[in-house]
N, C-alpha and C. Protein backbone atom coordinates (compact mmCIF):
# COMPACT_ATOMS: atom_id res chain seq x y z
N MET A 1 0.79 -1.16 0.00
CA MET A 1 0.20 0.27 -0.16
C MET A 1 1.05 1.54 -0.33
N PRO A 2 0.69 2.19 -0.92
CA PRO A 2 1.63 3.61 -1.28
C PRO A 2 1.42 4.60 0.43
N ASP A 3 2.24 4.86 0.62
CA ASP A 3 2.79 5.89 2.02
C ASP A 3 1.55 7.21 1.44
N PRO A 4 0.20 7.32 2.73
CA PRO A 4 -0.61 7.95 2.19
C PRO A 4 0.06 9.40 1.74
N ASP A 5 0.95 9.83 2.48
CA ASP A 5 1.99 10.84 2.17
C ASP A 5 2.62 11.45 1.14
N SER A 6 2.84 10.35 0.73
CA SER A 6 4.06 10.27 -0.36
C SER A 6 3.39 10.63 -1.51
N SER A 7 1.67 10.14 -1.95
CA SER A 7 1.07 11.53 -3.22
C SER A 7 0.36 12.61 -2.42
N HIS A 8 0.29 13.17 -3.66
CA HIS A 8 -0.66 14.68 -2.88
C HIS A 8 -2.48 14.16 -3.66
N VAL A 9 -2.42 12.95 -3.94
CA VAL A 9 -4.00 12.84 -4.51
C VAL A 9 -4.40 11.13 -3.51
N ASP A 10 -5.08 10.65 -2.73
CA ASP A 10 -4.96 9.34 -2.54
C ASP A 10 -6.44 8.98 -2.79
N THR A 11 -6.58 8.01 -3.56
CA THR A 11 -7.68 7.97 -4.46
C THR A 11 -8.64 6.78 -3.54
N THR A 12 -8.31 6.24 -2.29
CA THR A 12 -8.38 5.43 -2.20
C THR A 12 -9.95 5.95 -0.60
N GLU A 13 -9.40 7.39 -0.75
CA GLU A 13 -10.67 8.58 0.20
C GLU A 13 -10.68 9.52 -0.12
N LYS A 14 -12.22 9.97 0.19
CA LYS A 14 -12.33 11.61 -0.70
C LYS A 14 -12.28 12.33 0.67
N VAL A 15 -11.16 12.23 1.23
CA VAL A 15 -10.94 12.96 2.40
C VAL A 15 -10.40 14.82 2.02
N GLY A 16 -10.84 16.02 2.71
CA GLY A 16 -9.47 17.16 2.32
C GLY A 16 -10.43 17.68 1.30
N LEU A 17 -9.26 18.06 0.48
CA LEU A 17 -10.09 18.89 -1.11
C LEU A 17 -9.36 18.32 -2.13
N GLY A 18 -9.78 18.72 -2.88
CA GLY A 18 -10.06 18.33 -4.44
C GLY A 18 -8.75 19.53 -5.22
N PRO A 19 -8.67 19.52 -6.54
CA PRO A 19 -8.25 20.48 -6.86
C PRO A 19 -8.91 22.23 -6.32
N TRP A 20 -7.48 22.88 -6.51
CA TRP A 20 -8.16 24.61 -6.20
C TRP A 20 -9.07 25.31 -7.30
N ASP A 21 -10.05 25.75 -6.59
CA ASP A 21 -11.35 25.85 -7.86
C ASP A 21 -11.53 27.78 -8.50
N GLY A 22 -10.78 27.77 -9.55
CA GLY A 22 -10.31 28.98 -9.39
C GLY A 22 -8.98 29.83 -10.03
N PRO A 23 -9.25 31.25 -9.70
CA PRO A 23 -7.79 31.77 -10.01
C PRO A 23 -6.67 31.00 -8.73
N TRP A 24 -5.48 31.02 -9.11
CA TRP A 24 -4.77 30.43 -7.43
C TRP A 24 -4.76 31.65 -6.81
N PRO A 25 -5.00 31.92 -5.91
CA PRO A 25 -4.03 32.50 -4.47
C PRO A 25 -2.87 33.62 -4.89
N GLN A 26 -2.09 35.05 -4.67
CA GLN A 26 -1.54 35.59 -4.95
C GLN A 26 -1.24 36.56 -3.45
N GLY A 27 -0.43 36.44 -3.56
CA GLY A 27 0.56 37.58 -2.51
C GLY A 27 0.49 39.21 -3.34
N ALA A 28 0.82 40.21 -2.64
CA ALA A 28 1.39 41.92 -2.39
C ALA A 28 1.91 41.44 -4.14
N ASP A 29 2.96 40.54 -3.78
CA ASP A 29 3.65 41.00 -5.05
C ASP A 29 3.44 40.54 -6.37
N GLY A 30 2.32 39.66 -5.96
CA GLY A 30 1.56 39.01 -7.82
C GLY A 30 1.44 37.26 -7.60
N GLU A 31 2.36 36.94 -6.90
CA GLU A 31 3.06 35.63 -7.11
C GLU A 31 2.38 34.66 -5.72
N LEU A 32 2.13 33.17 -6.09
CA LEU A 32 2.07 32.41 -5.38
C LEU A 32 2.39 32.76 -3.89
N PRO A 33 1.36 32.68 -3.06
CA PRO A 33 2.26 32.74 -1.63
C PRO A 33 3.48 31.66 -1.11
N ALA A 34 4.58 31.73 -0.80
CA ALA A 34 5.08 31.08 -0.28
C ALA A 34 5.02 29.73 0.01
N HIS A 35 4.11 29.90 1.16
CA HIS A 35 3.62 28.57 1.94
C HIS A 35 3.03 27.56 1.21
N LEU A 36 2.35 27.92 -0.14
CA LEU A 36 1.15 27.33 -0.83
C LEU A 36 1.94 26.50 -1.41
N ASP A 37 1.77 24.75 -1.62
CA ASP A 37 2.05 24.51 -3.02
C ASP A 37 1.20 24.06 -4.09
N PRO A 38 1.90 24.50 -4.96
CA PRO A 38 1.95 24.41 -6.20
C PRO A 38 0.73 22.90 -7.19
N ASP A 39 1.27 21.92 -6.27
CA ASP A 39 1.22 20.94 -7.10
C ASP A 39 -0.09 20.44 -6.17
N LEU A 40 -0.32 20.79 -4.79
CA LEU A 40 -1.55 20.57 -4.09
C LEU A 40 -2.49 20.91 -4.55
N LEU A 41 -2.34 22.40 -5.13
CA LEU A 41 -3.49 22.90 -5.88
C LEU A 41 -3.73 22.86 -6.92
N ARG A 42 -2.56 22.12 -8.01
CA ARG A 42 -3.17 21.59 -9.34
C ARG A 42 -4.25 20.14 -8.68
N GLU A 43 -3.41 19.43 -7.86
CA GLU A 43 -3.85 18.01 -7.77
C GLU A 43 -4.78 17.91 -6.80
N GLY A 44 -4.94 18.70 -5.57
CA GLY A 44 -5.93 18.24 -4.69
C GLY A 44 -4.65 18.41 -3.38
N ASP A 45 -5.51 18.56 -2.57
CA ASP A 45 -4.69 17.70 -0.50
C ASP A 45 -5.92 17.53 -0.02
N ARG A 46 -5.21 15.75 -0.07
CA ARG A 46 -5.70 14.58 0.49
C ARG A 46 -4.91 14.25 1.76
N ARG A 47 -3.88 14.70 2.83
CA ARG A 47 -3.43 14.86 3.71
C ARG A 47 -4.03 14.52 4.70
N ASN A 48 -3.38 14.32 5.34
CA ASN A 48 -4.27 13.77 6.78
C ASN A 48 -4.20 15.12 8.02
N VAL A 49 -4.18 15.84 7.48
CA VAL A 49 -4.43 17.47 8.32
C VAL A 49 -5.05 18.66 8.26
N VAL A 50 -5.35 19.59 9.43
CA VAL A 50 -6.43 19.94 9.45
C VAL A 50 -6.84 20.80 7.88
N ASP A 51 -8.26 21.10 8.17
CA ASP A 51 -8.65 22.44 7.11
C ASP A 51 -7.62 23.59 6.77
N ASP A 52 -6.92 24.28 8.12
CA ASP A 52 -6.41 25.33 8.07
C ASP A 52 -4.68 25.10 6.96
N TYR A 53 -4.22 24.04 7.29
CA TYR A 53 -3.10 23.66 6.30
C TYR A 53 -3.18 23.36 4.79
N ARG A 54 -4.96 23.13 4.46
CA ARG A 54 -4.90 22.63 3.42
C ARG A 54 -3.94 23.52 1.75
N TYR A 55 -3.28 22.52 0.86
CA TYR A 55 -2.61 23.25 0.42
C TYR A 55 -1.22 23.80 0.80
N TRP A 56 -1.13 23.28 1.72
CA TRP A 56 0.08 24.01 2.76
C TRP A 56 1.53 23.28 2.39
N ARG A 57 2.74 23.91 1.87
CA ARG A 57 4.13 22.86 1.59
C ARG A 57 4.19 22.30 3.17
N HIS A 58 4.35 21.16 2.75
CA HIS A 58 5.13 20.38 4.31
C HIS A 58 6.50 21.26 5.23
N GLU A 59 7.04 21.45 4.78
CA GLU A 59 7.66 22.57 5.62
C GLU A 59 6.81 23.63 6.02
N ALA A 60 6.23 24.07 5.15
CA ALA A 60 5.82 25.49 5.58
C ALA A 60 4.20 24.95 6.87
N ILE A 61 3.92 24.11 6.66
CA ILE A 61 3.10 23.27 8.14
C ILE A 61 4.39 23.08 9.35
N VAL A 62 5.28 23.07 9.13
CA VAL A 62 6.14 22.42 10.35
C VAL A 62 6.40 23.52 11.15
N ALA A 63 6.51 24.64 9.93
CA ALA A 63 7.38 26.21 10.68
C ALA A 63 6.57 27.00 10.98
N ASP A 64 5.30 26.68 10.68
CA ASP A 64 4.30 27.23 11.50
C ASP A 64 4.04 26.51 12.65
N LEU A 65 3.27 25.25 12.80
CA LEU A 65 3.63 24.55 14.52
C LEU A 65 4.70 24.89 15.00
N ASP A 66 5.81 25.21 14.67
CA ASP A 66 7.01 25.52 15.96
C ASP A 66 6.74 26.65 16.14
N THR A 67 5.54 28.19 15.93
CA THR A 67 5.76 29.27 16.03
C THR A 67 4.65 29.00 18.31
N ARG A 68 4.21 28.08 17.94
CA ARG A 68 3.30 27.26 19.16
C ARG A 68 3.53 26.17 19.64
N ARG A 69 4.59 25.65 19.41
CA ARG A 69 4.86 23.98 20.35
C ARG A 69 4.60 24.38 21.40
N HIS A 70 4.04 23.14 22.29
CA HIS A 70 3.22 23.66 23.66
C HIS A 70 5.46 23.06 24.39
N GLY A 71 4.54 23.00 25.62
CA GLY A 71 6.36 22.45 26.58
C GLY A 71 6.51 21.07 26.84
N PHE A 72 6.11 20.58 26.47
CA PHE A 72 6.44 18.88 27.22
C PHE A 72 6.17 18.30 25.66
N HIS A 73 7.67 17.55 26.23
CA HIS A 73 8.27 16.43 25.64
C HIS A 73 7.13 15.16 25.13
N VAL A 74 7.01 14.62 24.55
CA VAL A 74 6.35 13.13 24.98
C VAL A 74 7.24 11.90 24.24
N ALA A 75 8.06 10.79 25.45
CA ALA A 75 9.10 9.81 24.93
C ALA A 75 8.64 8.53 25.47
N VAL A 76 8.75 7.71 24.18
CA VAL A 76 8.14 5.99 24.91
C VAL A 76 9.31 5.30 24.66
N GLU A 77 9.68 3.91 25.44
CA GLU A 77 10.26 3.05 25.27
C GLU A 77 9.91 2.24 24.58
N ASN A 78 11.05 1.79 23.43
CA ASN A 78 10.81 1.16 22.43
C ASN A 78 11.71 -0.13 22.66
N TRP A 79 11.20 -1.11 23.27
CA TRP A 79 12.05 -2.34 23.31
C TRP A 79 11.86 -3.58 22.35
N GLY A 80 10.76 -3.78 22.30
CA GLY A 80 9.60 -4.86 21.72
C GLY A 80 8.99 -4.13 20.25
N HIS A 81 9.29 -3.40 19.87
CA HIS A 81 8.33 -2.62 18.54
C HIS A 81 7.18 -2.96 18.72
N ASP A 82 6.78 -2.15 19.60
CA ASP A 82 5.55 -1.81 20.05
C ASP A 82 4.30 -1.03 19.41
N PHE A 83 3.12 -1.49 18.01
CA PHE A 83 2.89 -0.64 17.30
C PHE A 83 1.89 0.06 18.25
N ASN A 84 1.45 0.64 19.61
CA ASN A 84 0.86 1.49 19.97
C ASN A 84 1.53 2.66 19.84
N ILE A 85 3.22 2.92 19.80
CA ILE A 85 3.94 3.71 19.77
C ILE A 85 3.31 5.15 18.41
N GLY A 86 2.68 4.22 17.83
CA GLY A 86 2.26 5.04 16.78
C GLY A 86 1.10 5.88 16.78
N SER A 87 0.49 5.40 18.06
CA SER A 87 -1.03 5.97 18.16
C SER A 87 -0.62 7.12 19.56
N VAL A 88 0.71 6.86 20.42
CA VAL A 88 0.93 7.41 20.90
C VAL A 88 1.49 9.42 20.19
N ILE A 89 2.36 8.86 18.86
CA ILE A 89 2.91 10.32 18.41
C ILE A 89 1.92 10.87 17.65
N ARG A 90 0.85 10.21 17.36
CA ARG A 90 -0.36 10.96 16.70
C ARG A 90 -0.94 11.72 17.55
N THR A 91 -0.98 11.55 18.79
CA THR A 91 -1.73 12.23 19.93
C THR A 91 -1.06 13.63 20.39
N ALA A 92 0.09 13.06 20.21
CA ALA A 92 1.35 14.10 20.47
C ALA A 92 1.56 15.19 19.68
N ASN A 93 1.38 14.90 18.15
CA ASN A 93 0.98 15.75 16.93
C ASN A 93 -0.25 16.74 17.53
N ALA A 94 -1.75 16.03 18.25
CA ALA A 94 -2.76 16.58 17.86
C ALA A 94 -3.08 17.83 19.27
N PHE A 95 -1.89 17.37 20.07
CA PHE A 95 -1.59 18.34 21.25
C PHE A 95 -0.20 19.17 20.70
N ASN A 96 -0.23 19.04 19.87
CA ASN A 96 1.49 19.39 19.55
C ASN A 96 2.91 19.70 20.49
N ALA A 97 2.95 18.56 20.70
CA ALA A 97 4.16 17.80 21.43
C ALA A 97 4.83 19.10 21.53
N ALA A 98 5.93 19.64 22.10
CA ALA A 98 7.65 20.27 21.54
C ALA A 98 8.05 19.03 20.39
N ALA A 99 8.16 17.87 20.73
CA ALA A 99 9.01 17.01 20.46
C ALA A 99 9.13 15.26 20.99
N PHE A 100 8.77 14.36 20.08
CA PHE A 100 8.70 13.05 20.59
C PHE A 100 9.84 12.73 20.70
N HIS A 101 10.23 11.54 21.74
CA HIS A 101 11.68 11.06 21.97
C HIS A 101 10.91 9.37 21.57
N ILE A 102 12.65 8.56 21.16
CA ILE A 102 12.21 6.88 21.09
C ILE A 102 13.27 6.57 21.96
N VAL A 103 12.86 5.80 23.14
CA VAL A 103 14.03 5.36 23.67
C VAL A 103 14.49 3.62 23.37
N GLY A 104 15.19 3.36 23.58
CA GLY A 104 15.71 1.71 22.75
C GLY A 104 15.96 2.03 21.37
N LYS A 105 14.82 1.23 20.90
CA LYS A 105 15.33 0.63 19.30
C LYS A 105 15.21 1.96 18.29
N ARG A 106 15.87 1.91 17.56
CA ARG A 106 15.75 3.36 16.86
C ARG A 106 14.45 3.26 15.75
N ARG A 107 14.45 1.83 14.89
CA ARG A 107 12.72 2.01 14.15
C ARG A 107 11.73 1.29 15.41
N TRP A 108 10.83 2.47 14.20
CA TRP A 108 9.24 1.58 15.61
C TRP A 108 8.04 1.93 14.43
N ASN A 109 7.03 0.81 14.69
CA ASN A 109 6.32 1.11 14.08
C ASN A 109 5.09 2.31 13.79
N ARG A 110 5.47 2.59 12.77
CA ARG A 110 4.88 4.10 12.03
C ARG A 110 3.50 3.87 11.62
N ARG A 111 3.15 2.85 11.76
CA ARG A 111 1.37 3.07 10.96
C ARG A 111 0.67 3.63 11.76
N GLY A 112 1.15 3.77 12.94
CA GLY A 112 -0.40 4.27 13.52
C GLY A 112 -0.24 5.52 13.92
N ALA A 113 0.91 5.93 13.25
CA ALA A 113 1.60 7.40 13.58
C ALA A 113 0.53 8.25 12.22
N MET A 114 -0.30 7.33 11.34
CA MET A 114 -0.60 8.03 10.30
C MET A 114 0.14 9.03 9.54
N VAL A 115 0.88 9.26 9.35
CA VAL A 115 2.35 10.32 8.88
C VAL A 115 2.61 11.22 9.97
N THR A 116 1.92 11.62 10.91
CA THR A 116 1.72 12.62 11.78
C THR A 116 2.79 13.05 12.44
N ASP A 117 4.08 11.59 12.86
CA ASP A 117 5.48 11.78 12.73
C ASP A 117 6.15 12.97 11.91
N ARG A 118 5.08 13.21 10.88
CA ARG A 118 6.85 14.00 9.41
C ARG A 118 6.16 15.53 10.06
N TYR A 119 5.56 15.75 11.14
CA TYR A 119 5.27 17.40 11.31
C TYR A 119 5.76 17.82 12.44
N GLN A 120 6.50 16.81 13.09
CA GLN A 120 6.90 17.08 14.48
C GLN A 120 8.39 16.52 14.59
N HIS A 121 9.15 16.61 15.96
CA HIS A 121 10.62 16.95 15.93
C HIS A 121 11.11 15.52 16.61
N GLU A 122 11.53 14.79 15.91
CA GLU A 122 11.94 13.22 16.74
C GLU A 122 13.27 13.03 17.01
N HIS A 123 13.33 12.49 18.34
CA HIS A 123 14.88 12.52 19.00
C HIS A 123 14.39 11.04 19.25
N HIS A 124 15.97 10.43 19.33
CA HIS A 124 16.18 9.12 19.72
C HIS A 124 17.50 8.89 20.63
N HIS A 125 17.49 8.70 21.81
CA HIS A 125 17.67 7.95 22.24
C HIS A 125 17.89 6.64 23.33
N PRO A 126 19.61 5.79 22.80
CA PRO A 126 19.99 4.37 22.85
C PRO A 126 19.26 3.73 24.41
N ASP A 127 19.06 4.51 25.20
CA ASP A 127 18.93 3.97 26.73
C ASP A 127 18.10 5.24 27.45
N VAL A 128 17.56 5.25 28.75
CA VAL A 128 17.04 5.89 29.55
C VAL A 128 18.19 6.68 29.93
N GLN A 129 19.11 6.43 29.97
CA GLN A 129 20.11 7.70 30.94
C GLN A 129 20.71 8.42 29.89
N ASP A 130 20.32 8.21 28.49
CA ASP A 130 20.34 9.31 27.65
C ASP A 130 19.33 10.29 27.90
N LEU A 131 18.52 9.53 27.44
CA LEU A 131 16.72 10.57 27.95
C LEU A 131 17.43 11.70 28.89
N LEU A 132 17.58 11.03 30.35
CA LEU A 132 17.61 11.91 31.25
C LEU A 132 18.83 12.65 31.11
N ASP A 133 19.66 12.85 30.67
CA ASP A 133 21.13 13.43 30.14
C ASP A 133 20.77 14.13 29.20
N TRP A 134 19.91 14.00 28.61
CA TRP A 134 19.43 15.29 27.36
C TRP A 134 18.41 16.14 28.66
N ALA A 135 17.51 16.05 28.84
CA ALA A 135 16.51 16.74 29.92
C ALA A 135 17.01 17.93 31.30
N ALA A 136 18.31 17.04 31.27
CA ALA A 136 18.90 17.45 32.54
C ALA A 136 19.62 18.90 31.88
N GLN A 137 19.88 18.72 30.72
CA GLN A 137 20.29 20.18 29.87
C GLN A 137 19.41 20.79 28.47
N GLN A 138 17.98 20.91 29.75
CA GLN A 138 17.36 21.93 28.72
C GLN A 138 17.22 22.81 28.93
N ASP A 139 16.39 23.76 28.92
CA ASP A 139 16.35 25.41 29.32
C ASP A 139 14.77 24.52 29.92
N SER A 140 14.93 25.19 32.14
CA SER A 140 13.80 25.20 32.36
C SER A 140 12.93 25.83 32.28
N GLY A 141 13.08 27.32 31.85
CA GLY A 141 12.26 28.49 31.27
C GLY A 141 12.09 28.97 32.79
N VAL A 142 12.94 28.59 33.92
CA VAL A 142 12.83 29.38 35.09
C VAL A 142 14.30 30.18 35.23
N GLY A 143 14.54 31.53 35.56
CA GLY A 143 15.30 32.38 35.62
C GLY A 143 16.61 31.76 34.35
N GLY A 144 16.71 31.45 33.77
CA GLY A 144 17.75 30.55 32.76
C GLY A 144 18.61 29.60 33.25
N GLY A 145 17.63 28.58 34.05
CA GLY A 145 18.40 27.60 34.82
C GLY A 145 18.33 26.56 33.67
N ARG A 146 18.20 25.28 34.12
CA ARG A 146 18.96 24.05 33.13
C ARG A 146 17.71 22.94 33.90
N GLY A 147 17.39 22.13 32.98
CA GLY A 147 16.31 20.78 33.28
C GLY A 147 15.09 20.84 33.87
N ILE A 148 14.71 19.71 33.18
CA ILE A 148 12.93 19.89 33.06
C ILE A 148 13.35 17.90 33.63
N PRO A 149 12.15 18.29 34.22
CA PRO A 149 11.57 16.83 34.96
C PRO A 149 11.18 16.20 33.59
N VAL A 150 11.71 14.30 33.90
CA VAL A 150 11.41 13.35 33.21
C VAL A 150 9.84 12.55 34.23
N ILE A 151 8.69 12.42 33.98
CA ILE A 151 7.75 12.34 34.56
C ILE A 151 6.92 11.16 33.53
N GLY A 152 7.46 9.90 34.49
CA GLY A 152 6.99 8.37 34.22
C GLY A 152 5.38 8.14 34.28
N LEU A 153 4.76 7.63 33.59
CA LEU A 153 3.25 7.31 33.96
C LEU A 153 3.22 5.73 33.38
N ASP A 154 2.96 5.26 34.80
CA ASP A 154 2.45 3.79 34.82
C ASP A 154 1.84 3.58 35.78
N ASN A 155 1.23 1.90 36.50
CA ASN A 155 1.09 1.65 37.48
C ASN A 155 1.77 0.87 38.01
N VAL A 156 2.86 1.52 39.13
CA VAL A 156 3.69 0.87 39.54
C VAL A 156 3.63 1.27 40.89
N ALA A 157 4.34 0.34 41.88
CA ALA A 157 3.93 0.59 43.68
C ALA A 157 4.61 1.86 43.17
N GLY A 158 4.05 3.16 44.79
CA GLY A 158 4.72 4.56 44.36
C GLY A 158 4.11 5.59 43.62
N ALA A 159 3.31 5.21 42.97
CA ALA A 159 3.12 6.13 41.54
C ALA A 159 1.76 6.94 42.38
N VAL A 160 1.75 8.12 41.71
CA VAL A 160 0.46 9.19 42.49
C VAL A 160 -0.47 9.22 41.37
N PRO A 161 -1.42 9.43 42.04
CA PRO A 161 -2.77 9.60 40.66
C PRO A 161 -2.47 10.93 40.42
N ILE A 162 -3.16 11.02 39.15
CA ILE A 162 -2.63 12.14 37.80
C ILE A 162 -3.91 12.86 38.09
N GLU A 163 -4.70 12.40 39.08
CA GLU A 163 -6.23 13.52 38.93
C GLU A 163 -5.78 14.68 40.26
N GLY A 164 -5.68 15.64 39.89
CA GLY A 164 -4.99 16.63 40.82
C GLY A 164 -3.99 16.99 40.54
N TYR A 165 -3.09 15.95 39.63
CA TYR A 165 -1.27 16.46 39.77
C TYR A 165 -0.98 17.85 38.60
N ALA A 166 -0.14 19.00 39.47
CA ALA A 166 -0.01 19.99 38.63
C ALA A 166 0.83 19.45 37.86
N LEU A 167 1.18 18.95 36.69
CA LEU A 167 2.23 18.92 35.78
C LEU A 167 2.45 20.27 35.53
N PRO A 168 3.89 20.27 35.52
CA PRO A 168 4.49 21.06 34.72
C PRO A 168 4.63 21.42 33.77
N GLU A 169 4.91 22.83 33.33
CA GLU A 169 4.60 23.35 31.51
C GLU A 169 5.42 22.59 31.17
N ARG A 170 6.78 22.01 31.31
CA ARG A 170 7.76 22.21 30.76
C ARG A 170 8.18 20.84 31.41
N CYS A 171 8.03 19.87 30.57
CA CYS A 171 8.52 18.26 31.02
C CYS A 171 9.08 16.76 29.93
N VAL A 172 9.21 16.60 30.51
CA VAL A 172 9.59 14.92 29.20
C VAL A 172 8.15 13.98 30.43
N LEU A 173 6.90 13.15 29.15
CA LEU A 173 6.02 12.84 29.74
C LEU A 173 6.74 11.33 28.92
N LEU A 174 6.84 10.42 30.04
CA LEU A 174 7.74 8.98 29.33
C LEU A 174 6.65 8.21 29.46
N PHE A 175 6.47 7.20 28.57
CA PHE A 175 5.74 6.03 28.46
C PHE A 175 6.38 4.84 27.99
N GLY A 176 5.67 3.72 28.71
CA GLY A 176 6.25 2.13 28.79
C GLY A 176 5.60 1.89 27.75
N GLN A 177 6.22 0.64 27.17
CA GLN A 177 5.65 -0.04 25.88
C GLN A 177 4.59 -0.85 26.36
N GLU A 178 3.18 -1.41 25.21
CA GLU A 178 2.55 -2.27 25.93
C GLU A 178 2.55 -3.51 26.67
N GLY A 179 2.19 -3.83 28.05
CA GLY A 179 2.32 -5.31 28.56
C GLY A 179 3.41 -4.98 29.61
N PRO A 180 4.84 -4.46 29.35
CA PRO A 180 5.43 -4.65 31.14
C PRO A 180 5.68 -2.98 31.23
N GLY A 181 5.13 -2.05 30.68
CA GLY A 181 5.05 -0.66 31.10
C GLY A 181 6.34 -0.19 31.31
N LEU A 182 6.76 0.66 31.92
CA LEU A 182 7.72 1.11 32.03
C LEU A 182 9.26 0.19 32.57
N SER A 183 10.38 0.48 32.03
CA SER A 183 11.25 -0.27 32.39
C SER A 183 11.72 -0.22 33.88
N PRO A 184 12.57 -0.90 34.34
CA PRO A 184 12.95 -0.82 36.07
C PRO A 184 13.65 0.44 35.85
N GLU A 185 14.37 1.10 35.07
CA GLU A 185 15.70 1.68 34.68
C GLU A 185 14.63 3.44 34.32
N ALA A 186 13.84 3.47 34.07
CA ALA A 186 13.13 4.31 33.41
C ALA A 186 12.44 4.90 34.28
N VAL A 187 11.69 3.41 35.43
CA VAL A 187 11.12 3.92 36.83
C VAL A 187 11.87 4.83 38.18
N ALA A 188 13.60 4.32 37.61
CA ALA A 188 14.14 4.72 38.76
C ALA A 188 14.84 6.26 38.76
N GLY A 189 14.53 6.67 37.26
CA GLY A 189 15.28 7.49 36.60
C GLY A 189 14.01 8.84 36.76
N CYS A 190 12.61 8.66 36.86
CA CYS A 190 11.73 9.50 36.57
C CYS A 190 12.02 10.53 37.78
N SER A 191 11.87 12.00 38.14
CA SER A 191 11.45 12.19 38.53
C SER A 191 10.42 12.40 39.54
N ALA A 192 9.35 11.84 38.53
CA ALA A 192 7.91 11.44 39.84
C ALA A 192 7.36 10.56 38.79
N LEU A 193 6.88 9.41 39.01
CA LEU A 193 5.48 8.43 38.94
C LEU A 193 4.40 8.87 38.76
N LEU A 194 3.41 8.84 37.72
CA LEU A 194 1.88 9.13 38.16
C LEU A 194 1.34 7.19 37.77
N GLU A 195 0.15 7.69 37.62
CA GLU A 195 -0.26 6.41 37.30
C GLU A 195 -2.24 6.96 37.50
N ILE A 196 -2.59 6.53 36.29
CA ILE A 196 -4.38 7.48 35.87
C ILE A 196 -5.32 5.94 36.43
N SER A 197 -5.93 6.62 37.43
CA SER A 197 -6.89 6.07 38.14
C SER A 197 -8.03 5.12 37.53
N GLN A 198 -8.14 3.98 38.06
CA GLN A 198 -9.06 2.97 37.18
C GLN A 198 -9.98 2.74 38.19
N HIS A 199 -11.20 1.96 37.66
CA HIS A 199 -12.43 1.99 38.58
C HIS A 199 -12.87 0.77 37.86
N GLY A 200 -12.53 -0.58 36.67
CA GLY A 200 -12.89 -1.61 36.58
C GLY A 200 -12.15 -2.68 36.87
N SER A 201 -12.20 -3.38 35.70
CA SER A 201 -11.22 -4.80 36.57
C SER A 201 -10.06 -4.88 35.57
N THR A 202 -10.03 -4.16 34.49
CA THR A 202 -8.69 -4.23 33.77
C THR A 202 -7.28 -3.89 34.42
N ARG A 203 -6.59 -4.71 33.96
CA ARG A 203 -5.37 -3.93 34.78
C ARG A 203 -4.30 -3.29 34.53
N SER A 204 -4.23 -2.47 33.21
CA SER A 204 -4.05 -1.42 32.89
C SER A 204 -5.18 -0.86 32.01
N ILE A 205 -4.26 0.02 30.92
CA ILE A 205 -5.51 1.01 30.45
C ILE A 205 -4.27 0.91 29.30
N ASN A 206 -4.65 0.87 27.69
CA ASN A 206 -4.22 0.69 26.68
C ASN A 206 -2.77 2.00 26.89
N ALA A 207 -1.39 1.42 26.32
CA ALA A 207 -0.29 2.71 26.27
C ALA A 207 -1.06 3.80 25.45
N GLY A 208 -1.80 3.96 24.06
CA GLY A 208 -2.09 4.71 23.29
C GLY A 208 -3.46 5.50 24.21
N ALA A 209 -3.91 4.68 24.46
CA ALA A 209 -5.49 5.77 25.65
C ALA A 209 -5.42 5.84 26.44
N ALA A 210 -4.05 5.80 27.49
CA ALA A 210 -3.24 6.76 28.43
C ALA A 210 -2.26 7.38 27.88
N ALA A 211 -2.22 7.87 27.12
CA ALA A 211 -1.02 8.75 26.92
C ALA A 211 -1.84 9.87 26.11
N ALA A 212 -3.02 9.63 25.37
CA ALA A 212 -3.92 10.91 25.07
C ALA A 212 -4.99 11.67 26.50
N ILE A 213 -4.75 10.48 27.61
CA ILE A 213 -5.52 11.04 28.56
C ILE A 213 -4.70 12.07 29.69
N VAL A 214 -3.18 11.78 29.16
CA VAL A 214 -1.95 11.69 29.88
C VAL A 214 -2.08 13.64 29.68
N MET A 215 -1.75 13.44 27.88
CA MET A 215 -1.55 15.10 27.61
C MET A 215 -2.66 15.70 27.26
N TYR A 216 -4.20 15.06 27.60
CA TYR A 216 -5.27 16.07 27.85
C TYR A 216 -5.31 16.72 29.10
N HIS A 217 -4.64 16.13 29.75
CA HIS A 217 -4.54 16.38 30.95
C HIS A 217 -3.30 17.47 31.03
N TRP A 218 -2.74 17.76 31.24
CA TRP A 218 -1.46 18.60 30.87
C TRP A 218 -2.31 19.73 30.28
N ALA A 219 -3.35 19.92 28.94
CA ALA A 219 -3.54 20.47 28.17
C ALA A 219 -4.69 21.16 29.03
N LEU A 220 -5.32 20.52 29.99
CA LEU A 220 -6.61 21.82 30.64
C LEU A 220 -5.74 22.39 31.55
N GLN A 221 -4.08 21.99 31.90
CA GLN A 221 -3.30 22.75 32.88
C GLN A 221 -2.77 23.92 32.21
N HIS A 222 -2.38 23.93 31.15
CA HIS A 222 -1.44 24.71 30.42
C HIS A 222 -1.99 25.48 28.58
N ALA A 223 -2.78 24.65 28.32
CA ALA A 223 -2.98 25.32 26.63
C ALA A 223 -3.53 26.32 26.71
């Protein structure tokens, strides 16, 4: 199956917009505005983007998102090629995370991301310690200080319910893979461990769903 973002027209789904109807847009200089893609105007834009970005060049979308990225980062441990990673990354795009981080294996299952990873900044860390070292060097946003907290999400011993917890505006939200959850190294290295309170019989929430809940919790406080 072709990559849905590799072609400007996806004939399998009638989403988005077709070819531009009428004269093409013009800037003050009478030329096509730099953020618009002539191929998309000509062929239509069926990409997985909001309508405000229809016909925009890929790099123009990324640049615009960069002007209003949020202060949280999303990190996912990738030891077993978990297919849920794509869902986490797609949600990170929806909430305009500062960036996403893959800890462990560099390759990850991108299918669930629905090509939204192309509009984000990706970082790779070979192990948890490398992520912690990276976070320690980031601008804290407080008086020029360094270091942003890495907050782990898992229902492990000692985890604090996320309900009512004040998430920092600048932080790294670290998620484990489906099944085993956070690795022992991650649990030991996080500055805080949070869990989502559950009221049913299941032992845990799907990793993709849990990540969405946590990012929404951050957005309620800061977005």
